[in-house]
Amino acid sequence: LSEKDALGIAGWTADFPAYSIDKEDGNANGSIAIRATRDTKAGEYRVRLKTEYAVEEATVRVFDVAVAQGIKVGIIKSYDNTLESATKEMGVDYALLDSTMLEEGNLSKFNTIVVDIRAYLVRDDLKRNNSHLLEYVKDGGNLVVTYQRPQEWKPEYAPYPFTLSGKRVTSEDAPVEVLNPQHPLFNVPNKIVDDDWNDWKQERAMYFPTNVSKEYIRLLSSHDPDEPALATGYLVASYGKGTYIYTSYVWYRQLKEMNHGAFRCFANMISYQANRK
């Protein structure tokens, strides 16, 4: 089959590795890299994959995402690989941080370090070495902490302590208000627009911080129907020479769903400190 026939979209190309199924009702796993043409417009496309015996269709989402050039990201992984996959998809240089790196490694080589969801539950090495991360921020790094649960969190994990609550925004279509539209996290390198909050899955945010000090800038507000607005789900503060971001919004689930707005917001987070210099 020609690539055009296999994909069903003129100009798109793909790598077609060989698959061998050894017996009837068996299966084979692998991946196919699909490349759109440079002039492909943003949107959803249905590609057709043909074999000798069957035709299958899949949805490909195309959208623009910009990241700061030359950045390196460290990821403190928990039990989920979504942040790693998203960082790789954007072509960003990254490394998974192990216990040795957290305890005695040179963290300054990372523009941004991202703490995965609920990592304070499953990473004892993170809890032991959290002070090393705060020193990294103080010396000029950018630390992004995604949502944790109240029982897993200690206020002193943050540079300016706060507690976590059980408050949530459960509606995936809940309105989102940008409280500081001119803030770089909504403008650089991606301009965040109303459409970037569409098509979320399952919920907006959970475990909102409480007792939040004035050092934090509140970036977003959202609420369920007939509930008061919650404005502490996306926080940023300067600390020493660096920056600390805490976010209760459920970005990882949206990244897993290839939501364009989540990718653009996440790209702004990991690019933040590099773009401030």
C-alpha atoms as a PDB file:
ATOM      1  CA  LEU A   1       0.000   0.000   0.000  1.00  0.00           C
ATOM      2  CA  SER A   2       1.128   3.531  -0.650  1.00  0.00           C
ATOM      3  CA  GLU A   3       1.306   5.918   2.314  1.00  0.00           C
ATOM      4  CA  LYS A   4      -1.506   7.981   0.818  1.00  0.00           C
ATOM      5  CA  ASP A   5      -3.735   4.929   0.564  1.00  0.00           C
ATOM      6  CA  ALA A   6      -2.822   3.766   4.032  1.00  0.00           C
ATOM      7  CA  LEU A   7      -3.479   7.064   5.798  1.00  0.00           C
ATOM      8  CA  GLY A   8      -6.219   8.444   3.607  1.00  0.00           C
ATOM      9  CA  ILE A   9      -4.852  12.033   3.747  1.00  0.00           C
ATOM     10  CA  ALA A  10      -2.718  13.294   0.894  1.00  0.00           C
ATOM     11  CA  GLY A  11       0.761  14.422   1.910  1.00  0.00           C
ATOM     12  CA  TRP A  12       0.739  12.829   5.355  1.00  0.00           C
ATOM     13  CA  THR A  13       3.439  10.240   5.949  1.00  0.00           C
ATOM     14  CA  ALA A  14       4.016   7.501   8.480  1.00  0.00           C
ATOM     15  CA  ASP A  15       6.476   4.820   9.499  1.00  0.00           C
ATOM     16  CA  PHE A  16       4.951   1.399   9.049  1.00  0.00           C
ATOM     17  CA  PRO A  17       6.839  -1.189  11.104  1.00  0.00           C
ATOM     18  CA  ALA A  18       6.262  -4.853  10.368  1.00  0.00           C
ATOM     19  CA  TYR A  19       3.868  -6.744  12.620  1.00  0.00           C
ATOM     20  CA  SER A  20       3.647 -10.499  12.818  1.00  0.00           C
ATOM     21  CA  ILE A  21       0.763 -12.356  14.472  1.00  0.00           C
ATOM     22  CA  ASP A  22       1.866 -15.868  15.288  1.00  0.00           C
ATOM     23  CA  LYS A  23      -1.483 -17.594  15.631  1.00  0.00           C
ATOM     24  CA  GLU A  24      -5.178 -17.196  14.973  1.00  0.00           C
ATOM     25  CA  ASP A  25      -6.871 -14.745  17.372  1.00  0.00           C
ATOM     26  CA  GLY A  26      -3.432 -13.494  18.408  1.00  0.00           C
ATOM     27  CA  ASN A  27      -2.306  -9.878  18.492  1.00  0.00           C
ATOM     28  CA  ALA A  28       0.743  -7.677  18.127  1.00  0.00           C
ATOM     29  CA  ASN A  29       1.537  -4.317  19.731  1.00  0.00           C
ATOM     30  CA  GLY A  30       3.589  -1.421  18.468  1.00  0.00           C
ATOM     31  CA  SER A  31       3.431   2.235  17.446  1.00  0.00           C
ATOM     32  CA  ILE A  32       3.161   4.086  14.136  1.00  0.00           C
ATOM     33  CA  ALA A  33       4.633   7.584  13.853  1.00  0.00           C
ATOM     34  CA  ILE A  34       2.368   9.789  11.725  1.00  0.00           C
ATOM     35  CA  ARG A  35       3.583  13.127  10.340  1.00  0.00           C
ATOM     36  CA  ALA A  36       1.222  15.771   9.001  1.00  0.00           C
ATOM     37  CA  THR A  37       2.233  18.294   6.355  1.00  0.00           C
ATOM     38  CA  ARG A  38       3.565  21.659   7.570  1.00  0.00           C
ATOM     39  CA  ASP A  39       0.516  23.499   6.280  1.00  0.00           C
ATOM     40  CA  THR A  40      -1.975  21.267   8.131  1.00  0.00           C
ATOM     41  CA  LYS A  41      -4.538  23.385   9.962  1.00  0.00           C
ATOM     42  CA  ALA A  42      -5.439  22.781  13.606  1.00  0.00           C
ATOM     43  CA  GLY A  43      -8.318  20.384  14.109  1.00  0.00           C
ATOM     44  CA  GLU A  44      -9.258  16.719  14.269  1.00  0.00           C
ATOM     45  CA  TYR A  45      -8.521  14.350  11.401  1.00  0.00           C
ATOM     46  CA  ARG A  46      -9.579  10.785  10.786  1.00  0.00           C
ATOM     47  CA  VAL A  47      -6.779   8.634   9.426  1.00  0.00           C
ATOM     48  CA  ARG A  48      -7.410   5.259   7.807  1.00  0.00           C
ATOM     49  CA  LEU A  49      -4.995   2.401   8.419  1.00  0.00           C
ATOM     50  CA  LYS A  50      -5.318  -0.509   6.006  1.00  0.00           C
ATOM     51  CA  THR A  51      -3.939  -4.011   6.221  1.00  0.00           C
ATOM     52  CA  GLU A  52      -4.424  -6.923   3.889  1.00  0.00           C
ATOM     53  CA  TYR A  53      -7.522  -7.971   5.801  1.00  0.00           C
ATOM     54  CA  ALA A  54      -8.990  -4.944   7.534  1.00  0.00           C
ATOM     55  CA  VAL A  55      -9.373  -1.167   7.662  1.00  0.00           C
ATOM     56  CA  GLU A  56      -9.269   0.756  10.930  1.00  0.00           C
ATOM     57  CA  GLU A  57      -9.717   4.474  11.580  1.00  0.00           C
ATOM     58  CA  ALA A  58      -8.179   6.628  14.295  1.00  0.00           C
ATOM     59  CA  THR A  59      -8.532  10.277  15.301  1.00  0.00           C
ATOM     60  CA  VAL A  60      -5.471  12.539  15.098  1.00  0.00           C
ATOM     61  CA  ARG A  61      -5.572  15.926  16.831  1.00  0.00           C
ATOM     62  CA  VAL A  62      -3.455  18.723  15.383  1.00  0.00           C
ATOM     63  CA  PHE A  63      -2.772  21.896  17.371  1.00  0.00           C
ATOM     64  CA  ASP A  64       0.004  24.431  17.864  1.00  0.00           C
ATOM     65  CA  VAL A  65       2.100  24.387  21.033  1.00  0.00           C
ATOM     66  CA  ALA A  66       5.186  26.529  21.636  1.00  0.00           C
ATOM     67  CA  VAL A  67       7.843  25.972  24.316  1.00  0.00           C
ATOM     68  CA  ALA A  68      10.852  28.032  25.337  1.00  0.00           C
ATOM     69  CA  GLN A  69      13.874  27.012  23.290  1.00  0.00           C
ATOM     70  CA  GLY A  70      16.596  24.924  24.872  1.00  0.00           C
ATOM     71  CA  ILE A  71      14.897  24.227  28.182  1.00  0.00           C
ATOM     72  CA  LYS A  72      15.567  21.114  30.244  1.00  0.00           C
ATOM     73  CA  VAL A  73      12.902  19.729  32.564  1.00  0.00           C
ATOM     74  CA  GLY A  74      13.220  17.409  35.546  1.00  0.00           C
ATOM     75  CA  ILE A  75      10.213  15.255  36.437  1.00  0.00           C
ATOM     76  CA  ILE A  76       9.611  13.769  39.883  1.00  0.00           C
ATOM     77  CA  LYS A  77       7.372  10.946  38.766  1.00  0.00           C
ATOM     78  CA  SER A  78       4.731   9.268  40.919  1.00  0.00           C
ATOM     79  CA  TYR A  79       2.665   6.380  39.528  1.00  0.00           C
ATOM     80  CA  ASP A  80       1.572   8.022  36.287  1.00  0.00           C
ATOM     81  CA  ASN A  81       3.593   8.641  33.106  1.00  0.00           C
ATOM     82  CA  THR A  82       1.359  11.322  31.584  1.00  0.00           C
ATOM     83  CA  LEU A  83       3.605  14.303  32.368  1.00  0.00           C
ATOM     84  CA  GLU A  84       6.602  12.434  30.988  1.00  0.00           C
ATOM     85  CA  SER A  85       4.714  11.535  27.803  1.00  0.00           C
ATOM     86  CA  ALA A  86       3.445  15.091  27.315  1.00  0.00           C
ATOM     87  CA  THR A  87       6.924  16.566  27.794  1.00  0.00           C
ATOM     88  CA  LYS A  88       8.325  14.085  25.286  1.00  0.00           C
ATOM     89  CA  GLU A  89       5.513  14.823  22.806  1.00  0.00           C
ATOM     90  CA  MET A  90       6.501  18.511  22.838  1.00  0.00           C
ATOM     91  CA  GLY A  91      10.111  17.638  22.040  1.00  0.00           C
ATOM     92  CA  VAL A  92      11.416  19.002  25.351  1.00  0.00           C
ATOM     93  CA  ASP A  93      14.626  17.634  26.841  1.00  0.00           C
ATOM     94  CA  TYR A  94      13.753  16.018  30.170  1.00  0.00           C
ATOM     95  CA  ALA A  95      14.996  13.599  32.826  1.00  0.00           C
ATOM     96  CA  LEU A  96      13.287  11.573  35.546  1.00  0.00           C
ATOM     97  CA  LEU A  97      14.731  12.495  38.935  1.00  0.00           C
ATOM     98  CA  ASP A  98      15.712   9.543  41.144  1.00  0.00           C
ATOM     99  CA  SER A  99      16.603   9.509  44.841  1.00  0.00           C
ATOM    100  CA  THR A 100      20.278  10.255  44.239  1.00  0.00           C
ATOM    101  CA  MET A 101      19.493  13.316  42.146  1.00  0.00           C
ATOM    102  CA  LEU A 102      16.976  14.599  44.693  1.00  0.00           C
ATOM    103  CA  GLU A 103      19.418  14.162  47.548  1.00  0.00           C
ATOM    104  CA  GLU A 104      22.689  15.355  46.123  1.00  0.00           C
ATOM    105  CA  GLY A 105      22.303  16.095  42.422  1.00  0.00           C
ATOM    106  CA  ASN A 106      22.925  19.385  40.646  1.00  0.00           C
ATOM    107  CA  LEU A 107      19.358  20.562  40.165  1.00  0.00           C
ATOM    108  CA  SER A 108      20.447  23.882  38.685  1.00  0.00           C
ATOM    109  CA  LYS A 109      20.799  22.291  35.243  1.00  0.00           C
ATOM    110  CA  PHE A 110      16.995  22.112  35.023  1.00  0.00           C
ATOM    111  CA  ASN A 111      15.030  25.195  33.998  1.00  0.00           C
ATOM    112  CA  THR A 112      11.930  23.622  35.532  1.00  0.00           C
ATOM    113  CA  ILE A 113      11.245  20.693  37.847  1.00  0.00           C
ATOM    114  CA  VAL A 114       7.726  19.225  37.869  1.00  0.00           C
ATOM    115  CA  VAL A 115       6.328  17.282  40.842  1.00  0.00           C
ATOM    116  CA  ASP A 116       3.819  14.715  39.600  1.00  0.00           C
ATOM    117  CA  ILE A 117       0.319  14.217  41.021  1.00  0.00           C
ATOM    118  CA  ARG A 118       0.348  12.698  44.527  1.00  0.00           C
ATOM    119  CA  ALA A 119       4.107  12.295  44.447  1.00  0.00           C
ATOM    120  CA  TYR A 120       4.299  13.229  48.141  1.00  0.00           C
ATOM    121  CA  LEU A 121       2.392   9.987  48.834  1.00  0.00           C
ATOM    122  CA  VAL A 122       4.551   7.561  46.870  1.00  0.00           C
ATOM    123  CA  ARG A 123       7.984   9.243  46.920  1.00  0.00           C
ATOM    124  CA  ASP A 124       9.562   9.123  50.379  1.00  0.00           C
ATOM    125  CA  ASP A 125      12.737  10.507  48.803  1.00  0.00           C
ATOM    126  CA  LEU A 126      10.771  13.594  47.760  1.00  0.00           C
ATOM    127  CA  LYS A 127       9.572  14.203  51.319  1.00  0.00           C
ATOM    128  CA  ARG A 128      13.081  13.724  52.704  1.00  0.00           C
ATOM    129  CA  ASN A 129      14.647  16.103  50.203  1.00  0.00           C
ATOM    130  CA  ASN A 130      11.951  18.733  49.752  1.00  0.00           C
ATOM    131  CA  SER A 131      14.280  21.340  51.255  1.00  0.00           C
ATOM    132  CA  HIS A 132      16.701  20.673  48.390  1.00  0.00           C
ATOM    133  CA  LEU A 133      13.912  21.588  45.956  1.00  0.00           C
ATOM    134  CA  LEU A 134      13.187  24.821  47.809  1.00  0.00           C
ATOM    135  CA  GLU A 135      16.875  25.699  47.629  1.00  0.00           C
ATOM    136  CA  TYR A 136      16.706  24.996  43.888  1.00  0.00           C
ATOM    137  CA  VAL A 137      13.868  27.549  43.622  1.00  0.00           C
ATOM    138  CA  LYS A 138      15.680  30.072  45.812  1.00  0.00           C
ATOM    139  CA  ASP A 139      18.722  29.822  43.551  1.00  0.00           C
ATOM    140  CA  GLY A 140      16.696  30.543  40.401  1.00  0.00           C
ATOM    141  CA  GLY A 141      14.757  27.414  39.439  1.00  0.00           C
ATOM    142  CA  ASN A 142      11.088  26.984  38.556  1.00  0.00           C
ATOM    143  CA  LEU A 143       9.217  24.339  40.563  1.00  0.00           C
ATOM    144  CA  VAL A 144       5.778  23.219  39.366  1.00  0.00           C
ATOM    145  CA  VAL A 145       3.774  21.118  41.834  1.00  0.00           C
ATOM    146  CA  THR A 146       0.646  19.408  40.513  1.00  0.00           C
ATOM    147  CA  TYR A 147      -2.212  18.421  42.802  1.00  0.00           C
ATOM    148  CA  GLN A 148      -1.655  16.539  46.050  1.00  0.00           C
ATOM    149  CA  ARG A 149      -4.162  15.319  48.646  1.00  0.00           C
ATOM    150  CA  PRO A 150      -4.584  16.974  52.062  1.00  0.00           C
ATOM    151  CA  GLN A 151      -3.430  13.905  54.009  1.00  0.00           C
ATOM    152  CA  GLU A 152      -0.258  13.681  51.909  1.00  0.00           C
ATOM    153  CA  TRP A 153       0.686  17.339  52.209  1.00  0.00           C
ATOM    154  CA  LYS A 154       2.563  19.375  54.791  1.00  0.00           C
ATOM    155  CA  PRO A 155       2.389  23.181  54.659  1.00  0.00           C
ATOM    156  CA  GLU A 156       6.175  23.474  54.857  1.00  0.00           C
ATOM    157  CA  TYR A 157       6.573  21.699  51.520  1.00  0.00           C
ATOM    158  CA  ALA A 158       5.786  25.074  49.907  1.00  0.00           C
ATOM    159  CA  PRO A 159       8.083  28.105  50.266  1.00  0.00           C
ATOM    160  CA  TYR A 160       5.192  30.075  51.800  1.00  0.00           C
ATOM    161  CA  PRO A 161       3.125  27.488  53.714  1.00  0.00           C
ATOM    162  CA  PHE A 162      -0.495  26.694  52.915  1.00  0.00           C
ATOM    163  CA  THR A 163      -2.845  23.804  53.680  1.00  0.00           C
ATOM    164  CA  LEU A 164      -4.996  21.769  51.320  1.00  0.00           C
ATOM    165  CA  SER A 165      -8.756  21.292  51.521  1.00  0.00           C
ATOM    166  CA  GLY A 166     -11.253  18.825  50.116  1.00  0.00           C
ATOM    167  CA  LYS A 167     -12.870  21.501  47.943  1.00  0.00           C
ATOM    168  CA  ARG A 168     -13.345  20.620  44.265  1.00  0.00           C
ATOM    169  CA  VAL A 169     -14.789  21.828  41.006  1.00  0.00           C
ATOM    170  CA  THR A 170     -16.367  18.655  39.679  1.00  0.00           C
ATOM    171  CA  SER A 171     -18.082  19.939  36.545  1.00  0.00           C
ATOM    172  CA  GLU A 172     -15.881  19.544  33.501  1.00  0.00           C
ATOM    173  CA  ASP A 173     -17.693  22.475  31.897  1.00  0.00           C
ATOM    174  CA  ALA A 174     -17.469  24.768  34.920  1.00  0.00           C
ATOM    175  CA  PRO A 175     -16.703  28.371  33.951  1.00  0.00           C
ATOM    176  CA  VAL A 176     -13.060  29.400  34.242  1.00  0.00           C
ATOM    177  CA  GLU A 177     -12.153  33.013  34.918  1.00  0.00           C
ATOM    178  CA  VAL A 178      -8.621  34.212  34.261  1.00  0.00           C
ATOM    179  CA  LEU A 179      -7.901  36.567  37.156  1.00  0.00           C
ATOM    180  CA  ASN A 180      -4.697  38.046  35.771  1.00  0.00           C
ATOM    181  CA  PRO A 181      -4.942  38.011  31.953  1.00  0.00           C
ATOM    182  CA  GLN A 182      -1.629  39.844  31.485  1.00  0.00           C
ATOM    183  CA  HIS A 183       0.380  37.329  33.508  1.00  0.00           C
ATOM    184  CA  PRO A 184       3.105  35.550  31.472  1.00  0.00           C
ATOM    185  CA  LEU A 185       1.608  32.140  32.317  1.00  0.00           C
ATOM    186  CA  PHE A 186      -1.312  33.087  30.060  1.00  0.00           C
ATOM    187  CA  ASN A 187       0.728  34.738  27.325  1.00  0.00           C
ATOM    188  CA  VAL A 188       4.229  33.277  26.886  1.00  0.00           C
ATOM    189  CA  PRO A 189       5.048  31.375  24.793  1.00  0.00           C
ATOM    190  CA  ASN A 190       1.365  30.513  24.156  1.00  0.00           C
ATOM    191  CA  LYS A 191      -1.492  33.021  24.261  1.00  0.00           C
ATOM    192  CA  ILE A 192      -4.201  31.273  26.300  1.00  0.00           C
ATOM    193  CA  VAL A 193      -7.692  31.982  24.957  1.00  0.00           C
ATOM    194  CA  ASP A 194     -11.249  31.001  25.902  1.00  0.00           C
ATOM    195  CA  ASP A 195     -11.175  27.936  23.648  1.00  0.00           C
ATOM    196  CA  ASP A 196      -8.299  26.480  25.663  1.00  0.00           C
ATOM    197  CA  TRP A 197     -10.707  25.644  28.523  1.00  0.00           C
ATOM    198  CA  ASN A 198     -13.049  23.600  26.352  1.00  0.00           C
ATOM    199  CA  ASP A 199     -13.443  19.812  26.101  1.00  0.00           C
ATOM    200  CA  TRP A 200     -12.164  18.942  29.577  1.00  0.00           C
ATOM    201  CA  LYS A 201     -12.839  15.484  30.965  1.00  0.00           C
ATOM    202  CA  GLN A 202     -14.237  14.524  34.354  1.00  0.00           C
ATOM    203  CA  GLU A 203     -13.472  17.609  36.530  1.00  0.00           C
ATOM    204  CA  ARG A 204     -11.686  20.963  36.639  1.00  0.00           C
ATOM    205  CA  ALA A 205      -9.752  20.875  39.905  1.00  0.00           C
ATOM    206  CA  MET A 206      -9.535  19.303  43.358  1.00  0.00           C
ATOM    207  CA  TYR A 207      -8.049  19.808  46.829  1.00  0.00           C
ATOM    208  CA  PHE A 208      -7.851  23.590  46.643  1.00  0.00           C
ATOM    209  CA  PRO A 209      -5.265  25.292  48.879  1.00  0.00           C
ATOM    210  CA  THR A 210      -6.482  27.241  51.904  1.00  0.00           C
ATOM    211  CA  ASN A 211      -4.786  29.742  54.209  1.00  0.00           C
ATOM    212  CA  VAL A 212      -2.894  31.065  51.202  1.00  0.00           C
ATOM    213  CA  SER A 213      -0.512  33.927  51.944  1.00  0.00           C
ATOM    214  CA  LYS A 214      -0.264  37.187  50.044  1.00  0.00           C
ATOM    215  CA  GLU A 215       2.998  36.132  48.368  1.00  0.00           C
ATOM    216  CA  TYR A 216       1.009  33.972  45.942  1.00  0.00           C
ATOM    217  CA  ILE A 217      -0.636  35.401  42.851  1.00  0.00           C
ATOM    218  CA  ARG A 218      -4.036  33.809  42.236  1.00  0.00           C
ATOM    219  CA  LEU A 219      -4.379  33.062  38.536  1.00  0.00           C
ATOM    220  CA  LEU A 220      -7.715  31.275  37.972  1.00  0.00           C
ATOM    221  CA  SER A 221     -11.173  31.099  39.503  1.00  0.00           C
ATOM    222  CA  SER A 222     -13.804  28.432  38.903  1.00  0.00           C
ATOM    223  CA  HIS A 223     -16.855  26.954  40.607  1.00  0.00           C
ATOM    224  CA  ASP A 224     -19.560  24.348  40.274  1.00  0.00           C
ATOM    225  CA  PRO A 225     -23.169  25.490  39.694  1.00  0.00           C
ATOM    226  CA  ASP A 226     -24.603  27.299  42.741  1.00  0.00           C
ATOM    227  CA  GLU A 227     -21.267  27.059  44.557  1.00  0.00           C
ATOM    228  CA  PRO A 228     -18.933  29.929  45.553  1.00  0.00           C
ATOM    229  CA  ALA A 229     -15.951  30.704  43.349  1.00  0.00           C
ATOM    230  CA  LEU A 230     -12.650  29.038  44.253  1.00  0.00           C
ATOM    231  CA  ALA A 231      -9.596  31.116  43.366  1.00  0.00           C
ATOM    232  CA  THR A 232      -6.615  29.210  44.801  1.00  0.00           C
ATOM    233  CA  GLY A 233      -6.335  26.366  42.290  1.00  0.00           C
ATOM    234  CA  TYR A 234      -3.509  27.947  40.291  1.00  0.00           C
ATOM    235  CA  LEU A 235      -0.903  29.839  42.310  1.00  0.00           C
ATOM    236  CA  VAL A 236       2.497  31.314  41.516  1.00  0.00           C
ATOM    237  CA  ALA A 237       5.011  33.077  43.737  1.00  0.00           C
ATOM    238  CA  SER A 238       8.544  34.380  43.501  1.00  0.00           C
ATOM    239  CA  TYR A 239      10.960  32.873  46.015  1.00  0.00           C
ATOM    240  CA  GLY A 240      14.515  34.102  46.062  1.00  0.00           C
ATOM    241  CA  LYS A 241      15.642  34.205  42.442  1.00  0.00           C
ATOM    242  CA  GLY A 242      13.159  31.563  41.307  1.00  0.00           C
ATOM    243  CA  THR A 243       9.472  30.745  41.049  1.00  0.00           C
ATOM    244  CA  TYR A 244       7.074  28.283  42.643  1.00  0.00           C
ATOM    245  CA  ILE A 245       3.847  27.166  40.953  1.00  0.00           C
ATOM    246  CA  TYR A 246       1.157  25.082  42.651  1.00  0.00           C
ATOM    247  CA  THR A 247      -1.876  23.948  40.704  1.00  0.00           C
ATOM    248  CA  SER A 248      -4.934  21.931  41.727  1.00  0.00           C
ATOM    249  CA  TYR A 249      -6.286  21.784  38.185  1.00  0.00           C
ATOM    250  CA  VAL A 250      -6.389  18.291  36.757  1.00  0.00           C
ATOM    251  CA  TRP A 251      -3.990  18.923  33.897  1.00  0.00           C
ATOM    252  CA  TYR A 252      -2.694  15.356  33.738  1.00  0.00           C
ATOM    253  CA  ARG A 253      -6.065  13.931  32.739  1.00  0.00           C
ATOM    254  CA  GLN A 254      -6.460  16.546  30.019  1.00  0.00           C
ATOM    255  CA  LEU A 255      -2.910  15.908  28.774  1.00  0.00           C
ATOM    256  CA  LYS A 256      -3.743  12.229  28.588  1.00  0.00           C
ATOM    257  CA  GLU A 257      -6.737  13.141  26.419  1.00  0.00           C
ATOM    258  CA  MET A 258      -4.510  15.328  24.184  1.00  0.00           C
ATOM    259  CA  ASN A 259      -6.470  18.443  25.088  1.00  0.00           C
ATOM    260  CA  HIS A 260      -4.904  21.350  23.213  1.00  0.00           C
ATOM    261  CA  GLY A 261      -5.481  23.893  25.972  1.00  0.00           C
ATOM    262  CA  ALA A 262      -3.883  21.702  28.624  1.00  0.00           C
ATOM    263  CA  PHE A 263      -0.801  21.242  26.459  1.00  0.00           C
ATOM    264  CA  ARG A 264      -0.511  24.985  25.877  1.00  0.00           C
ATOM    265  CA  CYS A 265      -0.897  25.809  29.587  1.00  0.00           C
ATOM    266  CA  PHE A 266       1.578  23.102  30.595  1.00  0.00           C
ATOM    267  CA  ALA A 267       4.057  24.418  28.022  1.00  0.00           C
ATOM    268  CA  ASN A 268       3.766  27.879  29.581  1.00  0.00           C
ATOM    269  CA  MET A 269       4.398  26.441  33.049  1.00  0.00           C
ATOM    270  CA  ILE A 270       7.584  24.610  32.126  1.00  0.00           C
ATOM    271  CA  SER A 271       8.777  27.604  30.064  1.00  0.00           C
ATOM    272  CA  TYR A 272       8.013  30.148  32.769  1.00  0.00           C
ATOM    273  CA  GLN A 273      11.371  30.759  34.446  1.00  0.00           C
ATOM    274  CA  ALA A 274      13.298  30.606  31.155  1.00  0.00           C
ATOM    275  CA  ASN A 275      11.046  33.306  29.705  1.00  0.00           C
ATOM    276  CA  ARG A 276      11.483  35.557  32.757  1.00  0.00           C
ATOM    277  CA  LYS A 277      15.251  35.800  32.275  1.00  0.00           C
END
